[in-house]
Amino acid sequence: MNKTSLAGKLFLGLLGLYLVVPFGLTLIYSLFVEWTDLLPRGFTLRNYITLFSDLEFWTSMGRTLVLCAVSVLLTITLLLLAMYVVLVVNRKLAGVMQFVCMIPYALQGVILSISIISLYSGSSTFLSNRMLMLFGAYTIMVLPYIYQGIRNSLNAINAQTLIQAAQMLGCGRFRAYVQVVLPNMFSGILVSALLAESVVFGDFVLANNIAGNNYQNIQVFLNRRMFTSSGLASAIVVVIFLVVFIVTGLVLKLQKNESKEK
């Protein structure tokens, strides 16, 4: 038993090292003037000073956070309403809904962005707005990730039984869904939102193809700076990682607090 535990710890340690090494090397590269020999030379904070004094960087970061928040919240809201219909009104729609939600897995960024532009850019409706296209594209892109988390949470808490029990106590179906089911699956919703947030934060293709410089996110900003300075680009990658890490930490803290309250 001890040998198995030791092997598991060793495996996790090696896996953690494998994941941390690329970030560590990127951090080191961003803190030195050059790294052409075995060891880097010329420690400097110039890249971070330049980055943090660049208004375009803060604008791009803010836009990315807005994209994450709006697309994830919109997708969660729509899916929760749709899952209510599947759960309470007609369970036969579950298979159809699962199929529809899995379609974005097969749509790569280039295919999705070109399809959206071809379909809506020539129309005279409000959907031809590039910003609305971009937000809609991210809503579609994160659909499978959030759907899987919400579905697993509903199955784990046996939502249908909870609703039936609430009805026996005189509670309406929708009220039972909102006040009984949703609070019990809050943890699953947070995890789904976290996964979707990382997907949006790491996307370049959709933002570049649909909006371009009109709504430059952090990945488009990074791509442009890669041709200017590799050290500055490394600093941007480090900051992106730290922002995602902080957001992840906040979500996990909310999840932990919610578990303690139970």
Protein backbone atom coordinates (compact mmCIF):
# COMPACT_ATOMS: atom_id res chain seq x y z
CA MET A 1 0.00 0.00 0.00
CA ASN A 2 2.84 2.38 0.86
CA LYS A 3 4.63 1.54 -2.37
CA THR A 4 1.52 2.41 -4.38
CA SER A 5 1.16 5.69 -2.52
CA LEU A 6 4.80 6.53 -3.14
CA ALA A 7 4.47 5.69 -6.81
CA GLY A 8 1.43 7.92 -7.05
CA LYS A 9 3.22 10.82 -5.39
CA LEU A 10 6.22 10.32 -7.67
CA PHE A 11 3.99 10.32 -10.74
CA LEU A 12 2.21 13.50 -9.64
CA GLY A 13 5.55 15.14 -8.88
CA LEU A 14 6.91 14.31 -12.33
CA LEU A 15 3.70 15.49 -13.95
CA GLY A 16 3.80 18.75 -12.01
CA LEU A 17 7.44 19.25 -12.99
CA TYR A 18 6.58 18.59 -16.62
CA LEU A 19 3.88 21.26 -16.50
CA VAL A 20 5.88 23.83 -14.53
CA VAL A 21 9.17 23.66 -16.47
CA PRO A 22 7.89 25.48 -19.62
CA PHE A 23 6.47 28.30 -17.49
CA GLY A 24 9.69 28.52 -15.47
CA LEU A 25 11.84 28.77 -18.58
CA THR A 26 9.54 31.42 -20.04
CA LEU A 27 9.76 33.40 -16.79
CA ILE A 28 13.55 33.21 -16.80
CA TYR A 29 13.71 34.29 -20.44
CA SER A 30 11.54 37.32 -19.71
CA LEU A 31 13.85 38.45 -16.88
CA PHE A 32 17.11 38.48 -18.83
CA VAL A 33 18.44 40.44 -21.78
CA GLU A 34 19.59 37.36 -23.72
CA TRP A 35 19.89 33.60 -23.37
CA THR A 36 22.20 32.32 -26.06
CA ASP A 37 24.56 30.26 -23.87
CA LEU A 38 23.94 27.69 -21.17
CA LEU A 39 22.97 30.42 -18.68
CA PRO A 40 21.04 33.65 -19.34
CA ARG A 41 22.82 36.99 -19.06
CA GLY A 42 21.81 40.51 -18.07
CA PHE A 43 19.03 40.43 -15.47
CA THR A 44 16.45 43.10 -16.20
CA LEU A 45 12.85 44.10 -15.49
CA ARG A 46 12.69 46.13 -18.68
CA ASN A 47 10.17 43.83 -20.36
CA TYR A 48 7.70 44.09 -17.49
CA ILE A 49 8.16 47.84 -17.13
CA THR A 50 7.49 48.27 -20.85
CA LEU A 51 4.51 45.95 -20.69
CA PHE A 52 2.82 47.50 -17.67
CA SER A 53 3.27 51.01 -19.04
CA ASP A 54 1.58 50.04 -22.32
CA LEU A 55 -2.06 51.15 -22.35
CA GLU A 56 -2.77 48.78 -25.23
CA PHE A 57 -1.84 45.82 -23.02
CA TRP A 58 -4.31 46.80 -20.29
CA THR A 59 -7.01 47.40 -22.88
CA SER A 60 -6.42 43.99 -24.46
CA MET A 61 -6.46 42.29 -21.06
CA GLY A 62 -9.70 44.05 -20.11
CA ARG A 63 -11.32 43.04 -23.38
CA THR A 64 -10.33 39.42 -22.82
CA LEU A 65 -11.82 39.41 -19.34
CA VAL A 66 -15.04 40.92 -20.72
CA LEU A 67 -15.14 38.24 -23.43
CA CYS A 68 -14.69 35.53 -20.79
CA ALA A 69 -17.34 36.90 -18.45
CA VAL A 70 -20.02 37.63 -21.05
CA SER A 71 -19.64 34.45 -23.12
CA VAL A 72 -19.42 32.13 -20.09
CA LEU A 73 -22.35 33.74 -18.23
CA LEU A 74 -24.50 33.76 -21.37
CA THR A 75 -23.76 30.11 -22.12
CA ILE A 76 -24.40 29.03 -18.52
CA THR A 77 -27.73 30.89 -18.44
CA LEU A 78 -28.94 29.42 -21.72
CA LEU A 79 -27.84 25.90 -20.80
CA LEU A 80 -29.45 26.01 -17.37
CA LEU A 81 -32.77 27.03 -18.93
CA ALA A 82 -32.43 24.35 -21.60
CA MET A 83 -31.56 21.70 -19.02
CA TYR A 84 -34.70 22.62 -17.10
CA VAL A 85 -36.76 21.82 -20.20
CA VAL A 86 -34.93 18.50 -20.65
CA LEU A 87 -35.19 17.61 -16.97
CA VAL A 88 -38.80 18.58 -16.29
CA VAL A 89 -40.71 19.00 -19.55
CA ASN A 90 -39.40 16.32 -21.94
CA ARG A 91 -36.48 14.03 -21.09
CA LYS A 92 -36.50 12.64 -24.63
CA LEU A 93 -34.80 15.86 -25.74
CA ALA A 94 -31.67 14.97 -23.75
CA GLY A 95 -30.09 13.06 -26.62
CA VAL A 96 -30.80 15.83 -29.11
CA MET A 97 -29.40 18.45 -26.78
CA GLN A 98 -26.25 16.43 -26.14
CA PHE A 99 -25.68 16.04 -29.88
CA VAL A 100 -26.16 19.77 -30.51
CA CYS A 101 -23.84 20.74 -27.64
CA MET A 102 -21.11 18.40 -28.88
CA ILE A 103 -21.04 19.86 -32.40
CA PRO A 104 -18.60 22.69 -31.48
CA TYR A 105 -15.99 20.02 -30.65
CA ALA A 106 -15.75 19.36 -34.39
CA LEU A 107 -15.67 23.03 -35.37
CA GLN A 108 -12.12 24.32 -35.29
CA GLY A 109 -11.54 28.03 -34.83
CA VAL A 110 -10.89 28.73 -38.52
CA ILE A 111 -14.01 26.84 -39.65
CA LEU A 112 -16.22 28.47 -37.03
CA SER A 113 -14.97 32.01 -37.65
CA ILE A 114 -15.23 31.78 -41.44
CA SER A 115 -18.71 30.25 -41.20
CA ILE A 116 -19.95 33.02 -38.92
CA ILE A 117 -18.46 35.77 -41.08
CA SER A 118 -19.87 34.25 -44.27
CA LEU A 119 -23.32 33.88 -42.75
CA TYR A 120 -23.76 37.24 -41.01
CA SER A 121 -21.31 39.79 -42.41
CA GLY A 122 -23.38 40.47 -45.52
CA SER A 123 -26.68 40.78 -43.69
CA SER A 124 -28.29 44.10 -42.88
CA THR A 125 -29.29 43.02 -39.37
CA PHE A 126 -27.63 43.81 -36.05
CA LEU A 127 -25.97 40.38 -36.23
CA SER A 128 -23.55 41.76 -38.82
CA ASN A 129 -21.78 43.65 -36.04
CA ARG A 130 -18.34 42.12 -35.58
CA MET A 131 -18.47 42.42 -31.79
CA LEU A 132 -21.75 40.51 -31.60
CA MET A 133 -20.26 37.89 -33.93
CA LEU A 134 -17.28 37.49 -31.63
CA PHE A 135 -19.32 37.15 -28.45
CA GLY A 136 -21.62 34.69 -30.19
CA ALA A 137 -18.66 32.67 -31.46
CA TYR A 138 -17.20 32.32 -27.97
CA THR A 139 -20.60 31.35 -26.63
CA ILE A 140 -20.67 28.51 -29.15
CA MET A 141 -17.05 27.53 -28.54
CA VAL A 142 -17.44 27.02 -24.78
CA LEU A 143 -20.79 25.24 -25.13
CA PRO A 144 -19.47 21.63 -24.91
CA TYR A 145 -17.30 22.31 -21.85
CA ILE A 146 -20.05 23.97 -19.84
CA TYR A 147 -22.66 21.44 -20.95
CA GLN A 148 -20.60 18.49 -19.75
CA GLY A 149 -20.07 20.07 -16.34
CA ILE A 150 -23.73 21.00 -15.86
CA ARG A 151 -24.97 17.60 -17.03
CA ASN A 152 -22.58 15.76 -14.72
CA SER A 153 -23.66 17.94 -11.79
CA LEU A 154 -27.34 17.26 -12.46
CA ASN A 155 -26.70 13.53 -12.61
CA ALA A 156 -24.60 13.61 -9.44
CA ILE A 157 -27.27 15.26 -7.30
CA ASN A 158 -30.18 13.32 -8.84
CA ALA A 159 -31.96 16.52 -9.78
CA GLN A 160 -35.21 14.91 -10.85
CA THR A 161 -35.69 13.32 -7.44
CA LEU A 162 -34.99 16.67 -5.74
CA ILE A 163 -37.62 18.39 -7.85
CA GLN A 164 -40.17 15.67 -7.14
CA ALA A 165 -39.49 15.92 -3.40
CA ALA A 166 -39.89 19.70 -3.54
CA GLN A 167 -43.18 19.32 -5.40
CA MET A 168 -44.48 17.03 -2.69
CA LEU A 169 -43.86 19.90 -0.27
CA GLY A 170 -45.89 22.27 -2.41
CA CYS A 171 -43.11 23.88 -4.42
CA GLY A 172 -43.52 24.57 -8.14
CA ARG A 173 -41.23 22.84 -10.62
CA PHE A 174 -39.36 25.92 -11.81
CA ARG A 175 -39.07 27.29 -8.29
CA ALA A 176 -37.71 23.93 -7.13
CA TYR A 177 -35.21 23.98 -9.98
CA VAL A 178 -33.98 27.47 -9.08
CA GLN A 179 -34.04 27.26 -5.28
CA VAL A 180 -33.20 23.59 -4.71
CA VAL A 181 -31.35 22.16 -7.70
CA LEU A 182 -29.15 25.08 -8.77
CA PRO A 183 -27.65 25.74 -5.30
CA ASN A 184 -26.68 22.06 -5.06
CA MET A 185 -24.87 22.15 -8.40
CA PHE A 186 -23.10 25.47 -7.80
CA SER A 187 -19.74 23.73 -7.51
CA GLY A 188 -20.13 22.04 -10.88
CA ILE A 189 -21.12 25.32 -12.51
CA LEU A 190 -17.99 26.98 -11.14
CA VAL A 191 -15.73 24.25 -12.47
CA SER A 192 -17.39 24.46 -15.89
CA ALA A 193 -16.99 28.24 -15.91
CA LEU A 194 -13.32 27.86 -15.00
CA LEU A 195 -12.67 25.47 -17.86
CA ALA A 196 -14.51 27.70 -20.32
CA GLU A 197 -12.63 30.76 -19.09
CA SER A 198 -9.28 29.12 -19.83
CA VAL A 199 -10.48 28.20 -23.34
CA VAL A 200 -11.52 31.78 -24.14
CA PHE A 201 -8.34 33.21 -22.62
CA GLY A 202 -6.18 31.04 -24.85
CA ASP A 203 -7.98 31.68 -28.14
CA PHE A 204 -6.36 33.60 -30.97
CA VAL A 205 -8.06 32.44 -34.15
CA LEU A 206 -11.62 33.59 -33.48
CA ALA A 207 -10.62 37.02 -32.17
CA ASN A 208 -8.17 37.61 -35.01
CA ASN A 209 -10.43 36.41 -37.84
CA ILE A 210 -13.70 37.95 -36.67
CA ALA A 211 -12.70 41.19 -34.93
CA GLY A 212 -8.97 41.64 -35.58
CA ASN A 213 -7.71 45.01 -34.39
CA ASN A 214 -11.27 46.26 -33.85
CA TYR A 215 -11.47 44.28 -30.60
CA GLN A 216 -7.97 43.07 -29.90
CA ASN A 217 -7.81 40.45 -27.15
CA ILE A 218 -4.68 39.45 -25.25
CA GLN A 219 -3.73 36.66 -27.67
CA VAL A 220 -3.86 39.01 -30.67
CA PHE A 221 -1.80 41.50 -28.67
CA LEU A 222 0.72 38.75 -27.90
CA ASN A 223 0.95 37.73 -31.54
CA ARG A 224 1.75 41.28 -32.60
CA ARG A 225 4.42 41.69 -29.90
CA MET A 226 6.14 38.43 -30.86
CA PHE A 227 7.54 40.18 -33.93
CA THR A 228 8.80 43.08 -31.80
CA SER A 229 10.62 41.42 -28.90
CA SER A 230 10.81 37.79 -27.79
CA GLY A 231 11.54 38.90 -24.22
CA LEU A 232 8.45 41.10 -24.16
CA ALA A 233 6.39 38.26 -25.61
CA SER A 234 7.64 35.99 -22.84
CA ALA A 235 6.61 38.57 -20.24
CA ILE A 236 3.11 38.68 -21.76
CA VAL A 237 2.85 34.88 -21.52
CA VAL A 238 3.88 35.00 -17.85
CA VAL A 239 1.27 37.66 -17.07
CA ILE A 240 -1.44 35.68 -18.90
CA PHE A 241 -0.55 32.61 -16.86
CA LEU A 242 -0.68 34.57 -13.61
CA VAL A 243 -4.05 36.13 -14.45
CA VAL A 244 -5.54 32.72 -15.28
CA PHE A 245 -3.98 31.35 -12.09
CA ILE A 246 -5.54 34.13 -10.00
CA VAL A 247 -8.97 33.64 -11.60
CA THR A 248 -8.66 29.90 -11.04
CA GLY A 249 -7.73 30.46 -7.41
CA LEU A 250 -10.73 32.72 -6.85
CA VAL A 251 -13.10 30.19 -8.40
CA LEU A 252 -11.66 27.33 -6.35
CA LYS A 253 -11.92 29.44 -3.19
CA LEU A 254 -15.60 30.10 -3.94
CA GLN A 255 -16.07 26.39 -4.50
CA LYS A 256 -14.33 25.56 -1.22
CA ASN A 257 -16.41 28.09 0.71
CA GLU A 258 -19.58 26.71 -0.84
CA SER A 259 -18.58 23.18 0.19
CA LYS A 260 -17.93 24.30 3.78
CA GLU A 261 -21.35 25.92 4.02
CA LYS A 262 -22.92 22.60 3.15
